[in-house]
């Protein structure tokens, strides 16, 4: 260095904690909305005889219902939805 001092420069978002909190809330809100939409379909599968999480996942996949991220259903993804409901 040539002896100059660095000025008080702040890098990044000074309100990062607020931005992060808002982002987390938005993700949770969207997940709750998706769970509310798919829950009636899960209940239909249960009425049709699906008893295990795996059977419910198979029923959702057979109906062409994608997960929130567009993937296939697995027992754990069904459990996550039921836990959220």
Protein backbone atom coordinates (compact mmCIF):
# COMPACT_ATOMS: atom_id res chain seq x y z
CA UNK A 1 0.00 0.00 0.00
CA UNK A 2 1.10 3.54 -0.53
CA UNK A 3 -0.05 4.82 2.85
CA UNK A 4 -3.55 5.91 1.87
CA UNK A 5 -6.37 4.95 4.15
CA UNK A 6 -9.42 3.13 2.93
CA UNK A 7 -12.54 5.23 3.13
CA UNK A 8 -15.63 4.00 4.99
CA UNK A 9 -17.05 2.02 2.10
CA UNK A 10 -19.79 -0.47 2.87
CA UNK A 11 -20.07 -3.35 0.47
CA UNK A 12 -23.27 -5.30 -0.05
CA UNK A 13 -26.79 -4.52 1.04
CA UNK A 14 -26.82 -2.57 4.33
CA UNK A 15 -30.34 -3.91 4.97
CA UNK A 16 -29.46 -7.54 4.21
CA UNK A 17 -31.24 -8.87 7.30
CA UNK A 18 -34.48 -7.21 6.19
CA UNK A 19 -34.13 -8.45 2.62
CA UNK A 20 -33.40 -11.99 3.83
CA UNK A 21 -36.39 -11.94 6.18
CA UNK A 22 -38.69 -10.77 3.38
CA UNK A 23 -37.38 -13.47 1.04
CA UNK A 24 -37.91 -16.22 3.62
CA UNK A 25 -41.45 -15.01 4.26
CA UNK A 26 -42.19 -15.00 0.53
CA UNK A 27 -40.90 -18.57 0.13
CA UNK A 28 -42.97 -19.77 3.10
CA UNK A 29 -46.09 -18.04 1.79
CA UNK A 30 -45.69 -19.67 -1.62
CA UNK A 31 -45.09 -23.09 -0.02
CA UNK A 32 -48.23 -22.69 2.11
CA UNK A 33 -50.24 -21.72 -0.98
CA UNK A 34 -49.00 -24.74 -2.93
CA UNK A 35 -49.70 -27.08 -0.01
CA UNK A 36 -53.25 -25.73 0.27
CA UNK A 37 -53.80 -26.40 -3.45
CA UNK A 38 -52.44 -29.95 -3.48
CA UNK A 39 -53.93 -31.08 -0.17
CA UNK A 40 -57.42 -31.77 -1.62
CA UNK A 41 -55.81 -33.99 -4.26
CA UNK A 42 -53.96 -35.88 -1.53
CA UNK A 43 -57.25 -36.33 0.34
CA UNK A 44 -58.87 -37.69 -2.83
CA UNK A 45 -56.04 -40.20 -3.23
CA UNK A 46 -56.53 -41.28 0.37
CA UNK A 47 -60.28 -41.75 -0.18
CA UNK A 48 -59.45 -43.82 -3.25
CA UNK A 49 -57.41 -46.20 -1.10
CA UNK A 50 -53.89 -44.75 -0.91
CA UNK A 51 -52.79 -45.42 2.67
CA UNK A 52 -49.04 -44.93 2.79
CA UNK A 53 -47.01 -41.87 1.86
CA UNK A 54 -45.50 -43.88 -0.99
CA UNK A 55 -48.95 -44.80 -2.33
CA UNK A 56 -50.04 -41.16 -2.18
CA UNK A 57 -46.88 -40.13 -4.04
CA UNK A 58 -47.56 -42.76 -6.70
CA UNK A 59 -51.13 -41.48 -7.07
CA UNK A 60 -49.95 -37.88 -7.50
CA UNK A 61 -47.36 -38.94 -10.07
CA UNK A 62 -49.95 -41.06 -11.93
CA UNK A 63 -52.24 -38.03 -12.15
CA UNK A 64 -49.43 -35.92 -13.56
CA UNK A 65 -49.35 -33.55 -10.59
CA UNK A 66 -45.89 -32.03 -10.31
CA UNK A 67 -44.29 -30.90 -7.07
CA UNK A 68 -43.87 -27.18 -6.46
CA UNK A 69 -40.51 -27.33 -8.23
CA UNK A 70 -41.84 -29.40 -11.10
CA UNK A 71 -40.47 -32.75 -10.01
CA UNK A 72 -41.86 -36.13 -9.05
CA UNK A 73 -43.46 -36.97 -5.75
CA UNK A 74 -41.76 -39.15 -3.15
CA UNK A 75 -42.94 -40.26 0.27
CA UNK A 76 -40.97 -37.46 1.94
CA UNK A 77 -42.38 -34.75 -0.32
CA UNK A 78 -45.90 -35.93 0.57
CA UNK A 79 -44.95 -35.94 4.27
CA UNK A 80 -43.68 -32.36 3.92
CA UNK A 81 -47.00 -31.22 2.45
CA UNK A 82 -49.00 -32.99 5.16
CA UNK A 83 -46.79 -31.47 7.86
CA UNK A 84 -47.28 -28.00 6.39
CA UNK A 85 -51.08 -28.40 6.23
